Amino acid sequence: MASTATPSESAQLAQTIEMFEVITQSQPRDYQSLEILKEAYSKLGREKEVVSTSKRIAQAYVQMGQLSSAILEYETILQRYPGDPDVEAALKQIETKANNFPIEPPAETPVITKSQEGSAPGHKAAGRRAPTEVDDGRKMMHKLFVESKIITSGDFDLCWSTQDLTTPPTGVVEPFIQILSDKGILPVEKSLKILSDQSRLAYLPLDRYDIDMDLARGFPSEVCQRWCILPFDRMSRSTFVATANPFNQQAVKDLSEATNNRLLWYLVPPQDLVANLRKVFR
């Protein structure tokens, strides 16, 4: 398949490939990022890499015990390349595994994964009735940082910002882990390691990514600033979103109301997130 992308689109796709290759090498079970990678290769007409990535996706499914999904992925390859020896061997191994060994339970799904179908794009948060219960991730964050005895309860309360949803924020609300660092309580790097391990979101160094400013500005500034989240790129019907709080379900709900696209969430350094949000929403 020949590439039909423009030079600028090809450059952006090349950057996406570079970044997501790094992500998937360090997190080989991250099949969502592998799907993004496969689509980028497809758009550039790099068929060899498309097939290779498809095999990696199937392997990720096998590792998570999702054998039926792995079989479907492998069979998709066989439809295009009948008799592929690697695929046929992998399918035999899956058959043996299914017949002789208990299936490994699927890996725990990250708390933030994708959006639910929302209202039409462009729907703004302003004017909505404030929810009576807000799951902003506080409970899980408290469990990770306080109940695990990493910080004290007093330090947690000092650094956690409870948002008033009845009034818009006056600017970007800094993430909890950035405030912890600013007050000398816990370095950002240690907080990111804790969140990455527990949420299983892929980590992405945002400072190396070319942010799609126009895309970001198409989302409600109130939502993005309040929850410190940034839609930074898209691929077909998927929008990539940066966060420093992977347990904030209210952020998922609020952002989902602004798009019908699937939301794919990535954990990023809070200082880069805040800096880019301030650029986008000046």
C-alpha atoms as a PDB file:
ATOM      1  CA  MET A   1       0.000   0.000   0.000  1.00  0.00           C
ATOM      2  CA  ALA A   2       1.461   3.345  -1.029  1.00  0.00           C
ATOM      3  CA  SER A   3       1.552   6.224   1.395  1.00  0.00           C
ATOM      4  CA  THR A   4      -0.976   8.981   0.713  1.00  0.00           C
ATOM      5  CA  ALA A   5       0.101  11.220   3.585  1.00  0.00           C
ATOM      6  CA  THR A   6       1.266  14.762   2.905  1.00  0.00           C
ATOM      7  CA  PRO A   7       4.855  15.700   3.866  1.00  0.00           C
ATOM      8  CA  SER A   8       3.663  17.355   7.088  1.00  0.00           C
ATOM      9  CA  GLU A   9       1.442  14.393   7.937  1.00  0.00           C
ATOM     10  CA  SER A  10       4.333  12.028   7.211  1.00  0.00           C
ATOM     11  CA  ALA A  11       6.566  13.991   9.565  1.00  0.00           C
ATOM     12  CA  GLN A  12       3.958  13.857  12.325  1.00  0.00           C
ATOM     13  CA  LEU A  13       3.443  10.125  11.762  1.00  0.00           C
ATOM     14  CA  ALA A  14       7.198   9.564  11.927  1.00  0.00           C
ATOM     15  CA  GLN A  15       7.288  11.361  15.279  1.00  0.00           C
ATOM     16  CA  THR A  16       4.363   9.272  16.515  1.00  0.00           C
ATOM     17  CA  ILE A  17       6.169   6.103  15.482  1.00  0.00           C
ATOM     18  CA  GLU A  18       9.370   7.152  17.222  1.00  0.00           C
ATOM     19  CA  MET A  19       7.559   7.964  20.457  1.00  0.00           C
ATOM     20  CA  PHE A  20       5.293   4.930  20.507  1.00  0.00           C
ATOM     21  CA  GLU A  21       8.112   2.550  19.654  1.00  0.00           C
ATOM     22  CA  VAL A  22       9.799   3.738  22.855  1.00  0.00           C
ATOM     23  CA  ILE A  23       6.576   3.278  24.835  1.00  0.00           C
ATOM     24  CA  THR A  24       5.859  -0.203  23.504  1.00  0.00           C
ATOM     25  CA  GLN A  25       9.424  -1.416  23.925  1.00  0.00           C
ATOM     26  CA  SER A  26       9.283  -0.591  27.626  1.00  0.00           C
ATOM     27  CA  GLN A  27       5.651  -1.773  27.989  1.00  0.00           C
ATOM     28  CA  PRO A  28       5.144  -4.661  25.535  1.00  0.00           C
ATOM     29  CA  ARG A  29       1.663  -5.442  26.868  1.00  0.00           C
ATOM     30  CA  ASP A  30       0.354  -1.962  26.034  1.00  0.00           C
ATOM     31  CA  TYR A  31      -1.764  -3.138  23.108  1.00  0.00           C
ATOM     32  CA  GLN A  32      -3.521   0.239  22.790  1.00  0.00           C
ATOM     33  CA  SER A  33      -0.212   1.940  21.996  1.00  0.00           C
ATOM     34  CA  LEU A  34       0.675  -0.935  19.683  1.00  0.00           C
ATOM     35  CA  GLU A  35      -2.582  -0.354  17.805  1.00  0.00           C
ATOM     36  CA  ILE A  36      -1.641   3.320  17.376  1.00  0.00           C
ATOM     37  CA  LEU A  37       1.787   2.261  16.152  1.00  0.00           C
ATOM     38  CA  LYS A  38       0.318  -0.193  13.656  1.00  0.00           C
ATOM     39  CA  GLU A  39      -2.013   2.439  12.252  1.00  0.00           C
ATOM     40  CA  ALA A  40       0.840   4.939  11.866  1.00  0.00           C
ATOM     41  CA  TYR A  41       2.882   2.396   9.940  1.00  0.00           C
ATOM     42  CA  SER A  42      -0.152   1.632   7.793  1.00  0.00           C
ATOM     43  CA  LYS A  43      -0.687   5.281   6.922  1.00  0.00           C
ATOM     44  CA  LEU A  44       2.944   5.467   5.748  1.00  0.00           C
ATOM     45  CA  GLY A  45       2.575   2.323   3.674  1.00  0.00           C
ATOM     46  CA  ARG A  46       5.179   0.422   5.706  1.00  0.00           C
ATOM     47  CA  GLU A  47       3.581  -2.983   5.314  1.00  0.00           C
ATOM     48  CA  LYS A  48       6.420  -4.985   6.847  1.00  0.00           C
ATOM     49  CA  GLU A  49       6.196  -2.976  10.066  1.00  0.00           C
ATOM     50  CA  VAL A  50       2.387  -3.244  10.039  1.00  0.00           C
ATOM     51  CA  VAL A  51       2.601  -7.036  10.073  1.00  0.00           C
ATOM     52  CA  SER A  52       5.379  -7.043  12.657  1.00  0.00           C
ATOM     53  CA  THR A  53       3.366  -4.775  14.962  1.00  0.00           C
ATOM     54  CA  SER A  54       0.242  -6.866  14.463  1.00  0.00           C
ATOM     55  CA  LYS A  55       2.217  -9.884  15.684  1.00  0.00           C
ATOM     56  CA  ARG A  56       3.337  -7.879  18.722  1.00  0.00           C
ATOM     57  CA  ILE A  57      -0.286  -7.034  19.467  1.00  0.00           C
ATOM     58  CA  ALA A  58      -1.217 -10.702  19.324  1.00  0.00           C
ATOM     59  CA  GLN A  59       1.694 -11.567  21.614  1.00  0.00           C
ATOM     60  CA  ALA A  60       0.525  -8.922  24.091  1.00  0.00           C
ATOM     61  CA  TYR A  61      -2.924 -10.512  24.134  1.00  0.00           C
ATOM     62  CA  VAL A  62      -1.367 -13.930  24.763  1.00  0.00           C
ATOM     63  CA  GLN A  63       0.676 -12.569  27.664  1.00  0.00           C
ATOM     64  CA  MET A  64      -2.499 -11.161  29.216  1.00  0.00           C
ATOM     65  CA  GLY A  65      -4.377 -14.428  28.743  1.00  0.00           C
ATOM     66  CA  GLN A  66      -6.739 -12.956  26.148  1.00  0.00           C
ATOM     67  CA  LEU A  67      -6.321 -15.870  23.764  1.00  0.00           C
ATOM     68  CA  SER A  68      -9.423 -15.258  21.647  1.00  0.00           C
ATOM     69  CA  SER A  69      -8.249 -11.715  20.864  1.00  0.00           C
ATOM     70  CA  ALA A  70      -4.793 -13.057  19.990  1.00  0.00           C
ATOM     71  CA  ILE A  71      -6.297 -15.613  17.617  1.00  0.00           C
ATOM     72  CA  LEU A  72      -8.350 -12.927  15.867  1.00  0.00           C
ATOM     73  CA  GLU A  73      -5.239 -10.770  15.426  1.00  0.00           C
ATOM     74  CA  TYR A  74      -3.227 -13.652  14.009  1.00  0.00           C
ATOM     75  CA  GLU A  75      -6.055 -14.679  11.674  1.00  0.00           C
ATOM     76  CA  THR A  76      -6.183 -11.127  10.334  1.00  0.00           C
ATOM     77  CA  ILE A  77      -2.531 -11.500   9.325  1.00  0.00           C
ATOM     78  CA  LEU A  78      -3.227 -14.859   7.672  1.00  0.00           C
ATOM     79  CA  GLN A  79      -5.974 -13.297   5.574  1.00  0.00           C
ATOM     80  CA  ARG A  80      -3.326 -11.052   3.995  1.00  0.00           C
ATOM     81  CA  TYR A  81      -0.394 -13.460   4.156  1.00  0.00           C
ATOM     82  CA  PRO A  82      -1.640 -17.062   4.063  1.00  0.00           C
ATOM     83  CA  GLY A  83       0.843 -19.580   5.364  1.00  0.00           C
ATOM     84  CA  ASP A  84       2.928 -17.166   7.431  1.00  0.00           C
ATOM     85  CA  PRO A  85       5.091 -19.638   9.401  1.00  0.00           C
ATOM     86  CA  ASP A  86       5.420 -17.414  12.491  1.00  0.00           C
ATOM     87  CA  VAL A  87       1.660 -16.991  12.740  1.00  0.00           C
ATOM     88  CA  GLU A  88       0.907 -20.661  12.185  1.00  0.00           C
ATOM     89  CA  ALA A  89       3.441 -21.618  14.865  1.00  0.00           C
ATOM     90  CA  ALA A  90       1.960 -19.051  17.274  1.00  0.00           C
ATOM     91  CA  LEU A  91      -1.564 -20.377  16.693  1.00  0.00           C
ATOM     92  CA  LYS A  92      -0.397 -23.918  17.445  1.00  0.00           C
ATOM     93  CA  GLN A  93       1.185 -22.690  20.677  1.00  0.00           C
ATOM     94  CA  ILE A  94      -2.067 -20.963  21.639  1.00  0.00           C
ATOM     95  CA  GLU A  95      -3.993 -24.171  20.968  1.00  0.00           C
ATOM     96  CA  THR A  96      -1.572 -26.101  23.176  1.00  0.00           C
ATOM     97  CA  LYS A  97      -1.773 -23.471  25.899  1.00  0.00           C
ATOM     98  CA  ALA A  98      -5.568 -23.475  25.817  1.00  0.00           C
ATOM     99  CA  ASN A  99      -5.752 -27.257  25.991  1.00  0.00           C
ATOM    100  CA  ASN A 100      -3.121 -27.913  28.649  1.00  0.00           C
ATOM    101  CA  PHE A 101      -2.764 -24.900  30.900  1.00  0.00           C
ATOM    102  CA  PRO A 102      -5.107 -22.635  32.859  1.00  0.00           C
ATOM    103  CA  ILE A 103      -5.517 -19.298  31.151  1.00  0.00           C
ATOM    104  CA  GLU A 104      -3.823 -16.434  32.904  1.00  0.00           C
ATOM    105  CA  PRO A 105      -6.430 -13.898  34.041  1.00  0.00           C
ATOM    106  CA  PRO A 106      -6.351 -10.655  32.074  1.00  0.00           C
ATOM    107  CA  ALA A 107      -4.094  -7.958  33.457  1.00  0.00           C
ATOM    108  CA  GLU A 108      -5.814  -5.323  35.542  1.00  0.00           C
ATOM    109  CA  THR A 109      -7.136  -2.622  33.245  1.00  0.00           C
ATOM    110  CA  PRO A 110      -5.788   0.873  33.902  1.00  0.00           C
ATOM    111  CA  VAL A 111      -8.263   3.015  35.774  1.00  0.00           C
ATOM    112  CA  ILE A 112      -8.251   5.482  32.884  1.00  0.00           C
ATOM    113  CA  THR A 113      -8.394   3.804  29.492  1.00  0.00           C
ATOM    114  CA  LYS A 114     -10.773   5.312  26.989  1.00  0.00           C
ATOM    115  CA  SER A 115     -13.875   7.430  26.708  1.00  0.00           C
ATOM    116  CA  GLN A 116     -17.447   6.331  26.644  1.00  0.00           C
ATOM    117  CA  GLU A 117     -19.616   7.576  23.807  1.00  0.00           C
ATOM    118  CA  GLY A 118     -20.417  11.160  24.617  1.00  0.00           C
ATOM    119  CA  SER A 119     -22.366  14.023  23.147  1.00  0.00           C
ATOM    120  CA  ALA A 120     -21.513  15.840  19.954  1.00  0.00           C
ATOM    121  CA  PRO A 121     -18.016  17.323  19.651  1.00  0.00           C
ATOM    122  CA  GLY A 122     -17.671  20.834  20.966  1.00  0.00           C
ATOM    123  CA  HIS A 123     -20.112  20.402  23.828  1.00  0.00           C
ATOM    124  CA  LYS A 124     -18.813  22.603  26.610  1.00  0.00           C
ATOM    125  CA  ALA A 125     -18.716  21.922  30.308  1.00  0.00           C
ATOM    126  CA  ALA A 126     -20.039  25.357  31.188  1.00  0.00           C
ATOM    127  CA  GLY A 127     -23.636  25.415  32.341  1.00  0.00           C
ATOM    128  CA  ARG A 128     -23.741  21.761  33.395  1.00  0.00           C
ATOM    129  CA  ARG A 129     -25.119  20.881  36.769  1.00  0.00           C
ATOM    130  CA  ALA A 130     -22.250  20.066  39.117  1.00  0.00           C
ATOM    131  CA  PRO A 131     -22.193  16.352  40.011  1.00  0.00           C
ATOM    132  CA  THR A 132     -23.123  15.514  43.594  1.00  0.00           C
ATOM    133  CA  GLU A 133     -20.303  12.966  43.819  1.00  0.00           C
ATOM    134  CA  VAL A 134     -16.924  13.602  42.222  1.00  0.00           C
ATOM    135  CA  ASP A 135     -14.462  10.761  41.753  1.00  0.00           C
ATOM    136  CA  ASP A 136     -11.350  12.855  41.175  1.00  0.00           C
ATOM    137  CA  GLY A 137      -8.950  10.079  42.176  1.00  0.00           C
ATOM    138  CA  ARG A 138      -8.489  11.278  45.758  1.00  0.00           C
ATOM    139  CA  LYS A 139      -9.402   7.958  47.352  1.00  0.00           C
ATOM    140  CA  MET A 140      -6.959   5.942  45.249  1.00  0.00           C
ATOM    141  CA  MET A 141      -4.206   8.524  45.581  1.00  0.00           C
ATOM    142  CA  HIS A 142      -4.643   8.517  49.364  1.00  0.00           C
ATOM    143  CA  LYS A 143      -4.366   4.737  49.377  1.00  0.00           C
ATOM    144  CA  LEU A 144      -1.182   4.777  47.300  1.00  0.00           C
ATOM    145  CA  PHE A 145       0.629   7.598  49.077  1.00  0.00           C
ATOM    146  CA  VAL A 146      -0.696   7.600  52.655  1.00  0.00           C
ATOM    147  CA  GLU A 147      -1.834   4.045  53.400  1.00  0.00           C
ATOM    148  CA  SER A 148       1.419   2.805  51.879  1.00  0.00           C
ATOM    149  CA  LYS A 149       3.214   5.123  54.338  1.00  0.00           C
ATOM    150  CA  ILE A 150       5.044   7.063  51.635  1.00  0.00           C
ATOM    151  CA  ILE A 151       3.779  10.397  52.961  1.00  0.00           C
ATOM    152  CA  THR A 152       1.772  11.439  56.008  1.00  0.00           C
ATOM    153  CA  SER A 153      -1.940  12.142  56.018  1.00  0.00           C
ATOM    154  CA  GLY A 154      -1.169  15.750  56.912  1.00  0.00           C
ATOM    155  CA  ASP A 155       1.109  16.173  53.905  1.00  0.00           C
ATOM    156  CA  PHE A 156      -1.559  14.656  51.665  1.00  0.00           C
ATOM    157  CA  ASP A 157      -4.232  17.083  52.886  1.00  0.00           C
ATOM    158  CA  LEU A 158      -1.810  19.982  52.509  1.00  0.00           C
ATOM    159  CA  CYS A 159      -1.121  19.178  48.850  1.00  0.00           C
ATOM    160  CA  TRP A 160      -4.448  17.844  47.596  1.00  0.00           C
ATOM    161  CA  SER A 161      -6.642  20.417  45.842  1.00  0.00           C
ATOM    162  CA  THR A 162     -10.398  19.866  46.122  1.00  0.00           C
ATOM    163  CA  GLN A 163     -12.134  21.523  43.183  1.00  0.00           C
ATOM    164  CA  ASP A 164     -15.285  23.637  43.317  1.00  0.00           C
ATOM    165  CA  LEU A 165     -17.195  22.579  40.200  1.00  0.00           C
ATOM    166  CA  THR A 166     -19.652  25.448  40.485  1.00  0.00           C
ATOM    167  CA  THR A 167     -17.044  28.026  39.447  1.00  0.00           C
ATOM    168  CA  PRO A 168     -14.499  27.906  36.605  1.00  0.00           C
ATOM    169  CA  PRO A 169     -10.797  27.699  37.491  1.00  0.00           C
ATOM    170  CA  THR A 170      -8.746  30.873  37.197  1.00  0.00           C
ATOM    171  CA  GLY A 171      -5.903  28.994  35.521  1.00  0.00           C
ATOM    172  CA  VAL A 172      -4.221  25.608  35.365  1.00  0.00           C
ATOM    173  CA  VAL A 173      -4.618  23.710  38.639  1.00  0.00           C
ATOM    174  CA  GLU A 174      -1.253  22.102  39.369  1.00  0.00           C
ATOM    175  CA  PRO A 175      -1.283  18.337  39.862  1.00  0.00           C
ATOM    176  CA  PHE A 176      -0.992  16.784  43.301  1.00  0.00           C
ATOM    177  CA  ILE A 177       2.385  15.178  42.563  1.00  0.00           C
ATOM    178  CA  GLN A 178       3.830  18.510  41.405  1.00  0.00           C
ATOM    179  CA  ILE A 179       2.734  20.195  44.638  1.00  0.00           C
ATOM    180  CA  LEU A 180       4.297  17.339  46.619  1.00  0.00           C
ATOM    181  CA  SER A 181       7.562  18.028  44.821  1.00  0.00           C
ATOM    182  CA  ASP A 182       7.359  21.818  45.154  1.00  0.00           C
ATOM    183  CA  LYS A 183       6.954  21.476  48.924  1.00  0.00           C
ATOM    184  CA  GLY A 184       9.903  19.107  49.151  1.00  0.00           C
ATOM    185  CA  ILE A 185       7.775  16.192  50.333  1.00  0.00           C
ATOM    186  CA  LEU A 186       8.307  13.696  47.499  1.00  0.00           C
ATOM    187  CA  PRO A 187      10.266  13.993  44.217  1.00  0.00           C
ATOM    188  CA  VAL A 188       8.222  13.941  41.021  1.00  0.00           C
ATOM    189  CA  GLU A 189      10.216  11.014  39.665  1.00  0.00           C
ATOM    190  CA  LYS A 190       9.264   8.800  42.614  1.00  0.00           C
ATOM    191  CA  SER A 191       5.592   9.812  42.350  1.00  0.00           C
ATOM    192  CA  LEU A 192       5.555   9.036  38.625  1.00  0.00           C
ATOM    193  CA  LYS A 193       7.064   5.605  39.273  1.00  0.00           C
ATOM    194  CA  ILE A 194       4.350   4.846  41.829  1.00  0.00           C
ATOM    195  CA  LEU A 195       1.568   5.984  39.501  1.00  0.00           C
ATOM    196  CA  SER A 196       2.990   4.174  36.495  1.00  0.00           C
ATOM    197  CA  ASP A 197       3.311   0.906  38.408  1.00  0.00           C
ATOM    198  CA  GLN A 198      -0.165   1.087  39.922  1.00  0.00           C
ATOM    199  CA  SER A 199      -2.198   2.500  37.034  1.00  0.00           C
ATOM    200  CA  ARG A 200      -0.324   0.706  34.230  1.00  0.00           C
ATOM    201  CA  LEU A 201      -0.713   3.731  32.024  1.00  0.00           C
ATOM    202  CA  ALA A 202       2.098   4.169  29.526  1.00  0.00           C
ATOM    203  CA  TYR A 203       4.574   6.904  30.432  1.00  0.00           C
ATOM    204  CA  LEU A 204       5.230   9.532  27.753  1.00  0.00           C
ATOM    205  CA  PRO A 205       7.888  12.296  27.892  1.00  0.00           C
ATOM    206  CA  LEU A 206       5.689  15.150  26.724  1.00  0.00           C
ATOM    207  CA  ASP A 207       8.574  17.555  26.143  1.00  0.00           C
ATOM    208  CA  ARG A 208       9.659  15.434  23.179  1.00  0.00           C
ATOM    209  CA  TYR A 209       6.234  15.485  21.528  1.00  0.00           C
ATOM    210  CA  ASP A 210       4.938  18.029  19.025  1.00  0.00           C
ATOM    211  CA  ILE A 211       1.661  19.055  20.649  1.00  0.00           C
ATOM    212  CA  ASP A 212      -1.327  19.613  18.371  1.00  0.00           C
ATOM    213  CA  MET A 213      -2.355  23.011  19.745  1.00  0.00           C
ATOM    214  CA  ASP A 214      -5.447  23.314  17.545  1.00  0.00           C
ATOM    215  CA  LEU A 215      -6.701  19.947  18.710  1.00  0.00           C
ATOM    216  CA  ALA A 216      -6.219  20.906  22.360  1.00  0.00           C
ATOM    217  CA  ARG A 217      -8.042  24.211  21.902  1.00  0.00           C
ATOM    218  CA  GLY A 218     -11.029  22.326  20.538  1.00  0.00           C
ATOM    219  CA  PHE A 219     -11.688  20.983  24.043  1.00  0.00           C
ATOM    220  CA  PRO A 220     -13.189  22.956  26.954  1.00  0.00           C
ATOM    221  CA  SER A 221     -10.495  25.022  28.645  1.00  0.00           C
ATOM    222  CA  GLU A 222     -12.371  24.792  31.956  1.00  0.00           C
ATOM    223  CA  VAL A 223     -12.151  20.993  31.967  1.00  0.00           C
ATOM    224  CA  CYS A 224      -8.522  20.865  30.846  1.00  0.00           C
ATOM    225  CA  GLN A 225      -7.341  23.482  33.332  1.00  0.00           C
ATOM    226  CA  ARG A 226      -9.351  22.198  36.300  1.00  0.00           C
ATOM    227  CA  TRP A 227      -8.153  18.607  35.968  1.00  0.00           C
ATOM    228  CA  CYS A 228      -4.761  19.425  34.396  1.00  0.00           C
ATOM    229  CA  ILE A 229      -5.321  17.198  31.361  1.00  0.00           C
ATOM    230  CA  LEU A 230      -4.251  17.861  27.788  1.00  0.00           C
ATOM    231  CA  PRO A 231      -5.495  16.290  24.535  1.00  0.00           C
ATOM    232  CA  PHE A 232      -2.232  16.439  22.584  1.00  0.00           C
ATOM    233  CA  ASP A 233      -2.643  14.389  19.393  1.00  0.00           C
ATOM    234  CA  ARG A 234      -5.038  12.159  17.496  1.00  0.00           C
ATOM    235  CA  MET A 235      -5.006   9.160  15.209  1.00  0.00           C
ATOM    236  CA  SER A 236      -8.198   8.461  13.276  1.00  0.00           C
ATOM    237  CA  ARG A 237     -10.929   8.194  15.933  1.00  0.00           C
ATOM    238  CA  SER A 238      -8.543   8.111  18.895  1.00  0.00           C
ATOM    239  CA  THR A 239      -7.423  11.162  20.854  1.00  0.00           C
ATOM    240  CA  PHE A 240      -4.333  10.980  23.066  1.00  0.00           C
ATOM    241  CA  VAL A 241      -4.667  12.700  26.449  1.00  0.00           C
ATOM    242  CA  ALA A 242      -1.907  13.577  28.919  1.00  0.00           C
ATOM    243  CA  THR A 243      -2.525  13.400  32.663  1.00  0.00           C
ATOM    244  CA  ALA A 244      -0.638  13.336  35.951  1.00  0.00           C
ATOM    245  CA  ASN A 245      -3.570  11.766  37.836  1.00  0.00           C
ATOM    246  CA  PRO A 246      -4.483   8.418  36.237  1.00  0.00           C
ATOM    247  CA  PHE A 247      -7.334   7.786  38.674  1.00  0.00           C
ATOM    248  CA  ASN A 248      -9.458  10.865  37.948  1.00  0.00           C
ATOM    249  CA  GLN A 249     -12.732   9.451  36.647  1.00  0.00           C
ATOM    250  CA  GLN A 250     -14.431  12.857  36.690  1.00  0.00           C
ATOM    251  CA  ALA A 251     -11.851  14.098  34.193  1.00  0.00           C
ATOM    252  CA  VAL A 252     -12.703  11.155  31.940  1.00  0.00           C
ATOM    253  CA  LYS A 253     -16.415  11.955  32.123  1.00  0.00           C
ATOM    254  CA  ASP A 254     -15.969  15.675  31.551  1.00  0.00           C
ATOM    255  CA  LEU A 255     -13.629  15.292  28.581  1.00  0.00           C
ATOM    256  CA  SER A 256     -15.757  12.545  27.034  1.00  0.00           C
ATOM    257  CA  GLU A 257     -18.638  15.005  26.763  1.00  0.00           C
ATOM    258  CA  ALA A 258     -16.560  17.071  24.322  1.00  0.00           C
ATOM    259  CA  THR A 259     -15.871  14.310  21.788  1.00  0.00           C
ATOM    260  CA  ASN A 260     -17.136  11.057  20.354  1.00  0.00           C
ATOM    261  CA  ASN A 261     -13.565   9.855  19.853  1.00  0.00           C
ATOM    262  CA  ARG A 262     -11.945   7.191  21.958  1.00  0.00           C
ATOM    263  CA  LEU A 263      -9.652   8.722  24.586  1.00  0.00           C
ATOM    264  CA  LEU A 264      -6.275   7.097  25.171  1.00  0.00           C
ATOM    265  CA  TRP A 265      -4.575   8.314  28.341  1.00  0.00           C
ATOM    266  CA  TYR A 266      -0.849   8.699  29.001  1.00  0.00           C
ATOM    267  CA  LEU A 267       1.037   9.535  32.179  1.00  0.00           C
ATOM    268  CA  VAL A 268       3.341  12.537  31.684  1.00  0.00           C
ATOM    269  CA  PRO A 269       5.632  14.703  33.848  1.00  0.00           C
ATOM    270  CA  PRO A 270       3.462  17.290  35.602  1.00  0.00           C
ATOM    271  CA  GLN A 271       5.750  20.247  34.904  1.00  0.00           C
ATOM    272  CA  ASP A 272       5.597  19.595  31.144  1.00  0.00           C
ATOM    273  CA  LEU A 273       1.848  19.170  31.343  1.00  0.00           C
ATOM    274  CA  VAL A 274       1.309  22.469  33.156  1.00  0.00           C
ATOM    275  CA  ALA A 275       3.667  24.363  30.811  1.00  0.00           C
ATOM    276  CA  ASN A 276       1.882  23.107  27.692  1.00  0.00           C
ATOM    277  CA  LEU A 277      -1.565  23.798  29.112  1.00  0.00           C
ATOM    278  CA  ARG A 278      -0.550  27.388  29.799  1.00  0.00           C
ATOM    279  CA  LYS A 279       0.637  27.731  26.202  1.00  0.00           C
ATOM    280  CA  VAL A 280      -2.587  26.281  24.813  1.00  0.00           C
ATOM    281  CA  PHE A 281      -4.979  28.277  27.011  1.00  0.00           C
ATOM    282  CA  ARG A 282      -3.264  31.652  27.320  1.00  0.00           C
END
